[in-house]
Protein backbone atom coordinates (compact mmCIF):
# COMPACT_ATOMS: atom_id res chain seq x y z
CA SER A 1 0.00 -0.03 -0.01
CA GLY A 2 1.29 3.48 -0.80
CA GLU A 3 1.93 6.29 1.59
CA PHE A 4 -0.21 9.18 2.33
CA GLN A 5 1.23 12.46 1.23
CA ASP A 6 0.03 16.04 1.75
CA LEU A 7 -0.33 18.24 -1.48
CA VAL A 8 -1.67 21.62 -2.09
CA LEU A 9 -4.17 22.50 -4.70
CA ILE A 10 -3.93 26.10 -5.69
CA VAL A 11 -6.77 27.79 -7.46
CA GLU A 12 -5.87 30.81 -9.39
CA ILE A 13 -9.01 32.86 -10.26
CA MET A 14 -8.01 35.29 -13.00
CA GLY A 15 -10.73 35.32 -15.58
CA LYS A 16 -9.63 33.50 -18.73
CA HIS A 17 -6.18 32.88 -17.40
CA SER A 18 -7.63 30.90 -14.25
CA ASN A 19 -5.92 27.74 -13.49
CA LEU A 20 -5.81 24.69 -10.99
CA ILE A 21 -2.45 23.67 -9.99
CA LEU A 22 -1.37 20.81 -7.93
CA VAL A 23 1.95 21.47 -5.82
CA ASN A 24 4.12 19.50 -3.54
CA PRO A 25 4.43 21.76 -0.44
CA GLU A 26 7.78 20.38 0.60
CA SER A 27 9.67 21.13 -2.67
CA ASN A 28 7.22 23.69 -4.02
CA GLN A 29 7.31 21.87 -7.19
CA ILE A 30 4.41 21.62 -9.61
CA ILE A 31 3.00 18.04 -10.00
CA ASP A 32 0.61 19.27 -12.80
CA GLY A 33 -1.90 22.00 -13.89
CA ILE A 34 -5.27 21.97 -15.62
CA LYS A 35 -3.54 24.39 -18.16
CA ARG A 36 -0.07 23.84 -18.87
CA TYR A 37 2.17 26.47 -20.56
CA SER A 38 5.85 27.27 -21.01
CA HIS A 39 8.08 30.37 -21.37
CA ALA A 40 6.83 30.34 -25.15
CA LEU A 41 3.56 31.71 -23.70
CA SER A 42 4.69 33.43 -20.38
CA ARG A 43 8.01 34.93 -19.95
CA TYR A 44 7.31 35.28 -16.19
CA ARG A 45 6.66 31.64 -15.27
CA GLU A 46 6.04 27.96 -16.62
CA VAL A 47 3.25 25.78 -15.44
CA LEU A 48 4.67 22.40 -16.14
CA PRO A 49 5.18 19.16 -14.02
CA GLY A 50 8.67 19.61 -12.03
CA ARG A 51 8.85 23.22 -12.44
CA THR A 52 8.97 25.52 -9.26
CA TYR A 53 5.52 27.05 -8.49
CA LEU A 54 5.67 30.94 -8.59
CA LEU A 55 2.79 33.07 -7.75
CA PRO A 56 1.10 34.87 -10.61
CA PRO A 57 2.50 38.25 -11.40
CA GLU A 58 1.51 41.31 -9.38
CA GLN A 59 -1.38 43.37 -11.25
CA ASP A 60 -0.15 46.75 -9.96
CA LYS A 61 -3.46 47.32 -8.23
CA VAL A 62 -4.16 48.77 -4.86
CA HIS A 63 -6.39 47.40 -2.04
CA PRO A 64 -9.22 50.03 -1.54
CA LEU A 65 -8.91 49.93 2.20
CA THR A 66 -5.26 51.06 2.02
CA LEU A 67 -6.07 54.26 0.20
CA ASN A 68 -7.05 57.80 1.37
CA GLU A 69 -8.77 60.31 -0.97
CA ASP A 70 -5.68 62.05 -1.92
CA LYS A 71 -3.82 58.84 -2.79
CA PHE A 72 -6.90 57.58 -4.80
CA ILE A 73 -7.17 60.78 -6.78
CA LYS A 74 -3.31 60.69 -7.56
CA LEU A 75 -3.61 56.97 -8.74
CA MET A 76 -6.50 57.76 -10.97
CA LEU A 77 -4.79 60.71 -12.62
CA SER A 78 -1.56 58.75 -13.05
CA HIS A 79 -3.32 56.74 -16.00
CA PRO A 80 -3.68 57.87 -19.62
CA LEU A 81 -6.06 60.77 -19.85
CA ASN A 82 -7.81 59.25 -22.92
CA ASN A 83 -8.78 56.19 -21.04
CA SER A 84 -12.53 55.82 -19.77
CA LEU A 85 -13.49 56.27 -16.01
CA GLN A 86 -14.50 52.55 -16.03
CA LYS A 87 -11.32 51.42 -17.41
CA VAL A 88 -9.06 53.45 -15.09
CA LEU A 89 -11.12 52.46 -11.95
CA PHE A 90 -10.84 48.82 -12.99
CA SER A 91 -7.07 49.16 -13.33
CA VAL A 92 -6.58 51.02 -9.98
CA LEU A 93 -8.50 48.89 -7.51
CA GLU A 94 -7.78 45.36 -6.55
CA GLY A 95 -10.63 42.82 -6.41
CA LEU A 96 -12.95 45.09 -8.49
CA GLY A 97 -14.39 43.71 -11.77
CA PRO A 98 -15.68 45.82 -14.77
CA VAL A 99 -19.35 45.46 -13.64
CA MET A 100 -18.52 46.68 -10.24
CA ALA A 101 -16.31 49.57 -11.59
CA ARG A 102 -19.15 50.56 -13.83
CA GLU A 103 -21.72 50.45 -10.73
CA ILE A 104 -19.50 52.65 -8.53
CA ILE A 105 -19.26 55.29 -11.30
CA LEU A 106 -22.96 55.28 -12.21
CA ARG A 107 -23.74 55.70 -8.48
CA GLY A 108 -21.60 58.67 -8.45
CA ASP A 109 -23.90 60.22 -11.28
CA LEU A 110 -21.08 59.82 -13.78
CA ASP A 111 -20.88 58.38 -17.28
CA PRO A 112 -18.60 55.16 -17.07
CA SER A 113 -17.39 55.93 -20.63
CA LEU A 114 -16.45 59.52 -19.64
CA HIS A 115 -12.60 60.08 -20.56
CA LEU A 116 -10.37 60.92 -17.56
CA GLU A 117 -9.25 64.07 -19.17
CA TYR A 118 -12.71 65.64 -18.73
CA CYS A 119 -12.73 64.75 -15.02
CA GLY A 120 -11.79 67.10 -12.17
CA ALA A 121 -11.66 67.00 -8.33
CA HIS A 122 -15.40 67.12 -8.20
CA GLU A 123 -15.94 64.04 -10.36
CA LEU A 124 -13.23 61.97 -8.77
CA GLN A 125 -14.44 62.89 -5.11
CA SER A 126 -17.75 61.59 -6.13
CA ILE A 127 -16.36 58.18 -6.88
CA TRP A 128 -14.26 58.29 -3.68
CA GLN A 129 -17.56 59.06 -1.66
CA VAL A 130 -19.31 56.01 -3.26
CA LEU A 131 -16.23 53.85 -2.58
CA GLN A 132 -16.47 54.82 1.15
CA LYS A 133 -20.12 54.23 1.48
CA LEU A 134 -20.54 51.39 -0.76
CA ILE A 135 -17.39 49.42 -1.44
CA HIS A 136 -15.39 49.81 1.82
CA PRO A 137 -18.03 48.17 3.90
CA LEU A 138 -18.09 45.25 1.38
CA TYR A 139 -14.37 44.71 1.79
CA ARG A 140 -14.97 44.38 5.50
CA GLY A 141 -17.88 41.98 5.07
CA GLU A 142 -20.58 44.30 5.86
CA ASN A 143 -23.81 45.16 4.11
CA ILE A 144 -23.58 42.19 1.74
CA GLU A 145 -26.67 41.49 -0.52
CA PRO A 146 -25.58 38.68 -2.83
CA THR A 147 -27.78 39.22 -6.12
CA ILE A 148 -28.07 37.68 -9.47
CA VAL A 149 -29.41 39.65 -12.37
CA PHE A 150 -31.77 37.86 -14.87
CA GLN A 151 -32.88 38.77 -18.32
CA GLY A 152 -35.76 36.51 -18.69
CA LYS A 153 -34.60 33.06 -17.60
CA GLN A 154 -30.84 33.88 -18.52
CA PRO A 155 -28.50 34.94 -15.56
CA THR A 156 -26.77 37.99 -16.84
CA ALA A 157 -24.49 39.29 -13.87
CA PHE A 158 -23.93 38.78 -10.18
CA ALA A 159 -22.55 41.09 -7.41
CA PRO A 160 -22.41 41.35 -3.65
CA ILE A 161 -24.96 44.25 -3.99
CA PRO A 162 -28.17 44.97 -6.29
CA LEU A 163 -26.76 46.57 -9.51
CA THR A 164 -28.65 49.62 -10.36
CA GLN A 165 -27.15 49.47 -13.96
CA TYR A 166 -29.77 46.69 -14.72
CA GLN A 167 -32.88 48.51 -13.96
CA GLY A 168 -35.95 46.65 -15.48
CA LEU A 169 -34.36 43.27 -15.31
CA LYS A 170 -35.15 40.64 -12.58
CA PHE A 171 -33.12 40.72 -9.44
CA VAL A 172 -32.91 37.55 -7.13
CA ARG A 173 -31.16 37.79 -3.78
CA TYR A 174 -29.44 35.11 -1.86
CA GLN A 175 -28.20 34.49 1.73
CA THR A 176 -24.63 34.12 1.02
CA VAL A 177 -21.98 34.81 -1.69
CA ASN A 178 -21.24 31.05 -2.15
CA GLU A 179 -24.98 30.28 -2.65
CA MET A 180 -25.16 33.16 -5.32
CA LEU A 181 -22.15 32.06 -7.22
CA ASP A 182 -23.21 28.29 -7.13
CA LEU A 183 -26.58 29.09 -8.56
CA PHE A 184 -25.24 31.53 -11.08
CA TYR A 185 -22.73 29.02 -12.65
CA ARG A 186 -25.30 26.15 -12.31
CA ALA A 187 -27.61 28.29 -14.35
CA ARG A 188 -25.02 29.28 -16.82
CA LEU A 189 -24.23 25.45 -17.15
CA GLU A 190 -27.99 24.74 -17.78
CA LEU A 191 -28.16 27.57 -20.29
CA ASN A 192 -25.17 26.12 -22.14
CA ARG A 193 -26.79 22.82 -22.17
CA PHE A 194 -29.98 24.16 -23.25
CA ARG A 195 -28.39 25.94 -26.19
CA GLN A 196 -26.41 22.87 -27.15
CA ILE A 197 -29.49 20.64 -27.24
CA GLN A 198 -31.58 23.38 -29.04
CA ARG A 199 -28.92 23.92 -31.67
CA HIS A 200 -28.63 19.99 -32.28
CA LEU A 201 -32.38 19.64 -32.56
CA THR A 202 -32.91 22.55 -34.69
CA HIS A 203 -30.10 21.23 -36.93
CA VAL A 204 -32.04 17.89 -37.31
CA ILE A 205 -35.32 19.65 -38.02
CA LYS A 206 -33.79 21.96 -40.62
CA ASN A 207 -32.32 18.87 -42.37
CA GLU A 208 -35.54 17.03 -42.33
CA LEU A 209 -37.52 20.07 -43.75
CA SER A 210 -35.01 20.59 -46.52
CA HIS A 211 -35.33 16.89 -47.41
CA CYS A 212 -39.11 16.87 -47.18
CA ARG A 213 -39.35 20.13 -49.40
CA LYS A 214 -37.19 18.63 -52.00
CA LYS A 215 -39.16 15.46 -51.99
CA LEU A 216 -42.53 17.60 -52.28
CA SER A 217 -41.08 19.46 -55.33
CA PHE A 218 -40.21 16.23 -57.03
CA GLN A 219 -43.65 14.84 -56.36
CA GLU A 220 -45.17 18.09 -57.75
CA GLN A 221 -43.22 17.67 -60.88
CA ASP A 222 -44.33 13.92 -61.20
CA GLU A 223 -47.94 15.07 -60.56
CA ALA A 224 -47.80 17.58 -63.41
CA ALA A 225 -46.23 15.03 -65.78
CA ALA A 226 -49.00 12.59 -64.90
CA ASN A 227 -51.74 15.32 -65.31
CA ARG A 228 -50.28 16.02 -68.78
CA ALA A 229 -50.42 12.30 -69.76
CA LEU A 230 -54.06 12.25 -68.97
CA LYS A 231 -54.66 13.98 -72.22
CA LEU A 232 -53.60 10.65 -74.02
CA ARG A 233 -57.13 9.26 -73.32
CA LEU A 234 -58.52 12.03 -75.62
CA TRP A 235 -55.81 11.15 -78.14
CA GLY A 236 -56.84 7.45 -77.98
CA GLU A 237 -60.54 8.15 -78.42
CA THR A 238 -59.86 10.53 -81.16
CA VAL A 239 -57.64 8.15 -83.17
CA PHE A 240 -60.19 5.15 -82.66
CA ALA A 241 -63.02 7.60 -83.98
CA HIS A 242 -61.00 8.52 -87.08
CA LEU A 243 -59.18 5.17 -88.07
CA HIS A 244 -60.24 5.64 -91.64
CA LEU A 245 -58.52 9.12 -91.86
CA ILE A 246 -55.18 7.93 -90.73
CA LYS A 247 -52.61 6.56 -93.50
CA PRO A 248 -50.26 3.80 -92.35
CA GLY A 249 -46.78 4.97 -91.20
CA ALA A 250 -48.11 8.46 -90.41
CA LYS A 251 -45.81 10.37 -87.84
CA GLU A 252 -48.46 13.14 -87.02
CA VAL A 253 -52.13 13.61 -87.81
CA SER A 254 -54.49 16.56 -87.24
CA LEU A 255 -57.99 15.30 -86.27
CA PRO A 256 -61.25 16.97 -85.13
CA ASN A 257 -62.07 16.95 -81.44
CA ILE A 258 -64.80 14.39 -80.83
CA TYR A 259 -65.95 16.34 -77.84
CA GLU A 260 -65.73 19.81 -79.70
CA PRO A 261 -66.37 19.03 -83.41
CA ASP A 262 -66.60 22.90 -84.03
CA GLY A 263 -63.31 23.55 -82.18
CA PRO A 264 -59.68 23.51 -83.40
CA HIS A 265 -58.17 20.10 -84.59
CA ILE A 266 -56.00 18.07 -82.27
CA LYS A 267 -52.39 17.40 -83.44
CA ILE A 268 -51.40 13.82 -82.44
CA LYS A 269 -47.93 12.41 -82.75
CA LEU A 270 -47.97 8.73 -83.85
CA ALA A 271 -45.46 5.83 -83.73
CA PRO A 272 -45.13 5.16 -87.65
CA SER A 273 -44.20 1.57 -87.08
CA MET A 274 -47.70 1.01 -85.54
CA THR A 275 -51.00 0.77 -87.08
CA ALA A 276 -53.62 3.52 -85.99
CA SER A 277 -55.33 0.95 -83.82
CA GLN A 278 -52.17 0.07 -82.01
CA ASN A 279 -51.27 3.83 -81.54
CA ALA A 280 -54.77 4.22 -79.81
CA GLN A 281 -54.14 1.36 -77.63
CA ARG A 282 -50.75 2.57 -76.57
CA PHE A 283 -52.37 5.87 -75.60
CA PHE A 284 -54.84 4.08 -73.40
CA ARG A 285 -52.22 2.12 -71.67
CA LYS A 286 -50.05 5.25 -71.00
CA TYR A 287 -53.18 7.09 -69.81
CA ASN A 288 -54.14 4.16 -67.41
CA LYS A 289 -50.49 4.17 -66.01
CA ALA A 290 -50.69 8.00 -65.48
CA ARG A 291 -54.19 7.62 -63.85
CA ASP A 292 -52.94 4.89 -61.37
CA SER A 293 -49.66 6.74 -60.68
CA LEU A 294 -51.64 10.06 -60.11
CA LYS A 295 -53.39 8.47 -57.30
CA ILE A 296 -50.24 7.16 -55.58
CA ILE A 297 -48.48 10.51 -56.34
CA LYS A 298 -51.32 12.58 -54.73
CA LYS A 299 -51.37 10.35 -51.63
CA ASN A 300 -47.70 10.67 -51.21
CA LYS A 301 -47.70 14.38 -51.69
CA ARG A 302 -50.36 14.51 -48.95
CA LYS A 303 -48.10 12.56 -46.70
CA THR A 304 -45.10 14.80 -47.55
CA ALA A 305 -47.13 18.09 -46.92
CA ALA A 306 -48.44 16.61 -43.53
CA GLU A 307 -44.77 15.74 -42.53
CA ILE A 308 -43.73 19.32 -43.41
CA ARG A 309 -46.60 20.65 -41.35
CA TYR A 310 -45.45 18.38 -38.44
CA LEU A 311 -41.71 19.33 -38.59
CA ASN A 312 -42.66 23.08 -38.68
CA SER A 313 -44.70 22.63 -35.59
CA VAL A 314 -41.67 21.14 -33.87
CA LYS A 315 -39.53 23.88 -35.18
CA ILE A 316 -41.77 26.56 -33.77
CA SER A 317 -41.70 24.50 -30.35
CA LEU A 318 -38.03 24.69 -30.44
CA GLU A 319 -37.87 28.34 -31.05
CA GLN A 320 -40.25 28.97 -28.13
CA ALA A 321 -38.92 26.60 -25.61
CA ASP A 322 -37.19 28.39 -22.66
CA ILE A 323 -36.43 25.61 -20.22
CA LEU A 324 -34.36 22.35 -20.60
CA LEU A 325 -37.32 20.25 -19.57
CA GLU A 326 -39.34 21.46 -22.68
CA LEU A 327 -36.25 20.54 -24.98
CA LYS A 328 -36.11 16.91 -23.50
CA GLU A 329 -39.94 16.57 -24.21
CA ILE A 330 -39.09 17.72 -27.79
CA GLN A 331 -35.96 15.32 -28.12
CA THR A 332 -38.26 12.17 -26.67
CA GLU A 333 -40.96 13.11 -29.33
CA LEU A 334 -38.32 13.15 -32.11
CA GLU A 335 -36.92 9.82 -30.82
CA ASP A 336 -40.27 8.20 -30.74
CA SER A 337 -41.06 9.50 -34.32
CA GLY A 338 -37.87 8.09 -35.64
CA TYR A 339 -35.94 11.16 -36.44
CA LEU A 340 -33.32 10.59 -33.69
CA ARG A 341 -31.80 7.41 -32.65
CA LYS A 342 -32.86 6.32 -29.12
CA LYS A 343 -29.98 6.06 -26.81
CA LYS A 344 -29.37 2.42 -25.64
CA LYS A 345 -29.90 1.92 -21.88
CA LYS A 346 -27.08 -0.01 -20.18
CA HIS A 347 -29.29 -1.53 -17.50
CA LYS A 348 -32.96 -2.30 -17.56
CA LYS A 349 -33.80 -1.18 -14.06
CA LYS A 350 -37.53 -0.45 -12.97
CA GLY A 351 -37.09 3.19 -12.22
CA PRO A 352 -39.87 5.91 -11.53
CA LYS A 353 -42.72 6.24 -13.91
CA LYS A 354 -42.35 8.85 -16.70
CA MET A 355 -43.30 12.31 -15.64
CA ALA A 356 -46.33 13.78 -17.33
CA PRO A 357 -45.47 16.76 -19.58
CA GLN A 358 -45.53 20.07 -17.73
CA VAL A 359 -47.96 22.33 -19.45
CA LYS A 360 -47.91 26.05 -18.56
CA LYS A 361 -50.70 27.37 -16.28
CA ILE A 362 -51.88 30.92 -15.80
CA THR A 363 -54.89 32.45 -14.51
CA SER A 364 -57.12 34.78 -16.58
CA GLN A 365 -58.00 38.36 -15.59
CA ASP A 366 -61.44 36.96 -14.72
CA GLY A 367 -59.94 34.23 -12.54
CA PHE A 368 -60.20 31.14 -14.93
CA THR A 369 -57.44 28.67 -15.50
CA ILE A 370 -55.78 28.65 -18.74
CA LEU A 371 -53.38 25.81 -19.73
CA ILE A 372 -50.78 26.14 -22.44
CA GLY A 373 -49.18 23.42 -24.60
CA LYS A 374 -45.95 24.43 -25.87
CA ASN A 375 -44.93 21.25 -27.95
CA ASN A 376 -46.74 18.33 -29.38
CA LYS A 377 -46.31 16.02 -26.23
CA GLN A 378 -47.65 18.74 -24.10
CA ASN A 379 -50.42 19.40 -26.57
CA ASP A 380 -51.46 15.77 -26.72
CA TYR A 381 -51.43 15.45 -23.08
CA LEU A 382 -53.38 18.62 -22.39
CA THR A 383 -56.01 18.08 -24.96
CA MET A 384 -56.57 14.27 -24.84
CA ARG A 385 -55.99 13.79 -21.11
CA LEU A 386 -56.32 16.99 -19.07
CA ALA A 387 -59.17 18.70 -20.74
CA HIS A 388 -62.73 17.75 -20.14
CA ASP A 389 -65.60 17.98 -22.56
CA ASN A 390 -67.02 21.36 -21.52
CA ASP A 391 -63.74 23.13 -21.35
CA TYR A 392 -62.85 25.52 -24.20
CA TRP A 393 -60.17 24.59 -26.53
CA LEU A 394 -58.25 27.12 -28.81
CA HIS A 395 -55.62 26.95 -31.53
CA VAL A 396 -54.19 29.40 -34.19
CA LYS A 397 -55.96 28.98 -37.42
CA ASP A 398 -54.10 27.05 -40.29
CA SER A 399 -50.72 27.48 -38.65
CA ALA A 400 -48.35 25.75 -36.26
CA GLY A 401 -48.89 26.39 -32.55
CA GLY A 402 -49.69 25.43 -29.08
CA HIS A 403 -52.99 24.12 -27.80
CA ILE A 404 -54.81 26.28 -25.30
CA VAL A 405 -57.42 24.97 -22.86
CA VAL A 406 -59.71 27.24 -20.73
CA LYS A 407 -60.98 25.18 -17.72
CA SER A 408 -64.69 25.64 -17.15
CA ILE A 409 -66.16 26.10 -13.75
CA PRO A 410 -69.50 24.08 -13.09
CA GLY A 411 -72.35 26.60 -12.98
CA GLN A 412 -70.33 29.63 -14.41
CA GLU A 413 -70.14 30.64 -18.03
CA VAL A 414 -66.67 31.54 -19.24
CA PRO A 415 -66.68 35.28 -20.20
CA LEU A 416 -65.88 36.53 -23.49
CA SER A 417 -62.91 38.43 -22.12
CA THR A 418 -61.27 35.26 -20.76
CA LEU A 419 -61.63 33.49 -24.43
CA GLU A 420 -60.14 36.57 -25.99
CA GLU A 421 -57.31 36.48 -23.57
CA ALA A 422 -56.92 32.81 -24.40
CA ALA A 423 -56.95 33.43 -27.96
CA GLY A 424 -54.22 36.06 -27.66
CA LEU A 425 -52.15 33.51 -26.00
CA ALA A 426 -52.75 31.02 -28.70
CA ALA A 427 -51.47 33.61 -31.23
CA TYR A 428 -48.54 34.19 -29.00
CA PHE A 429 -47.52 30.43 -28.78
CA SER A 430 -47.70 30.02 -32.58
CA GLU A 431 -45.72 30.81 -35.55
CA ALA A 432 -47.80 33.91 -35.93
CA ARG A 433 -46.34 35.47 -32.73
CA LEU A 434 -45.04 38.53 -34.53
CA SER A 435 -48.22 39.12 -36.57
CA SER A 436 -51.45 41.08 -35.78
CA LYS A 437 -55.16 40.26 -35.91
CA VAL A 438 -54.33 36.58 -35.96
CA PRO A 439 -57.18 34.13 -36.68
CA VAL A 440 -57.67 31.65 -33.60
CA ASP A 441 -60.29 28.97 -33.75
CA CYS A 442 -62.28 28.20 -30.38
CA THR A 443 -64.56 25.29 -29.73
CA LYS A 444 -65.51 23.09 -26.81
CA ARG A 445 -63.01 20.23 -26.10
CA LYS A 446 -65.88 17.61 -26.99
CA HIS A 447 -65.62 18.76 -30.51
CA VAL A 448 -61.93 17.95 -30.77
CA SER A 449 -60.57 14.66 -31.70
CA LYS A 450 -57.32 12.88 -32.71
CA PRO A 451 -57.38 10.57 -35.72
CA LYS A 452 -56.07 7.15 -35.49
CA GLY A 453 -52.39 7.05 -36.28
CA ALA A 454 -52.10 10.81 -36.48
CA ARG A 455 -48.81 12.56 -35.65
CA PRO A 456 -48.10 13.99 -32.17
CA GLY A 457 -50.13 17.15 -31.65
CA PHE A 458 -52.32 16.72 -34.68
CA VAL A 459 -56.17 16.94 -33.96
CA ILE A 460 -59.16 17.82 -35.91
CA TYR A 461 -62.14 19.92 -34.83
CA LYS A 462 -65.50 21.25 -35.66
CA ASN A 463 -68.26 23.63 -34.40
CA HIS A 464 -65.88 26.33 -33.74
CA GLU A 465 -65.88 30.13 -33.88
CA THR A 466 -62.91 32.40 -34.91
CA PHE A 467 -61.23 35.18 -32.95
CA TYR A 468 -59.02 37.85 -34.69
CA VAL A 469 -56.61 38.99 -31.95
CA ASP A 470 -53.22 40.36 -31.33
CA PRO A 471 -50.62 38.04 -29.67
CA ILE A 472 -50.48 38.50 -25.84
CA ALA A 473 -47.38 37.39 -23.96
CA PRO A 474 -48.16 35.70 -20.53
CA GLU A 475 -47.22 37.79 -17.66
CA GLU A 476 -44.16 36.80 -15.83
CA PRO A 477 -44.33 36.52 -11.98
CA LYS A 478 -43.49 39.72 -10.51
CA ASN A 479 -39.91 40.10 -8.77
């Protein structure tokens, strides 16, 4: 058995130059680092196994608590006058990032982009006063209010104080700095994972849509060719009706139209090696083949058009997804539909039952519950499982979008204002989000059905009325 040894793990937090280095404390030699580099990259030091560990180079910054006002102003004015206040303050003070430097200047009622040459004693004294009032207590561990700023669901910035530079965005406060940092970087990791999956699924859908559109184009060409071949029936009938007028070996004839005797003659190309009767029979055979193929072409064309509509609905769901769970639902749907290969499970263990899709729930201004499906799995679950016969069901007309259900309350009539609000939400959660006066169909759930074998999210409905509304975004919970 090996002997235990004390080692030191050094964390260097320096932005893009951050590193994690394992060092032998007795010899001060580097065992290894997450990032290795030699003198080719840094003249000051090397981070390689066997090299002596050196501290990172000094940044020539000053700790705020060691300064007085005069020294602070002299340090500020020692920098190039064409530098901005934000850049100079960041360069002067130790432990201060660009966001906090900007915050200090803004709280001093100054413009962070203002050049140092336009600043006098008054401006620099304003910054010093903010430092004393706001930043000095933080360095002493006082008045700390760890805060993360969110833009929508995306974490944008964090600080030990609320940041006034992000007015209008969502602020969430935490008990400790560690909790704040943990949640910020956890959210960032989830956001990166979200974007990675979203990009992958979008790429899959884009390729499938491109393939289907090409296929539809070929089918339309085949349909046009088959439709042109349908005239061969008329040619066959015309030739049979005028056999006596056709000379043996003729390459082309001009004959009266049997259906329009007074109309223009029909020019018909013949195979000179065949008799007139054989030419007529050849036309009928080609006509029958075109007629039969046309049925198949039209059927395949309808299938391709339906697939394009389905893929477009998935595309809209991907664009409007805003949490990882929704992407996972779409990913599962694409696996079940055969567009993605299912991952093989190593062990077949009986785990917990699959979670039901999580539909969005809001309350209308009249107090009625409105449920929103944002992808096809949610739509199927909402319409076919959650909704009852007397609930109202809404969907944007003739476009891809989510299913919306207004829950009815026994003994109460759902007011028109709630249905209009739900219609606005249906328009918002659809490909018509950026349009105005969007047509939205509304009917009772009992008039909605799903055909056997239909794709996820596809239903048919009847007895509907149509609202024309502007899209309405759901209200986010207040801070």
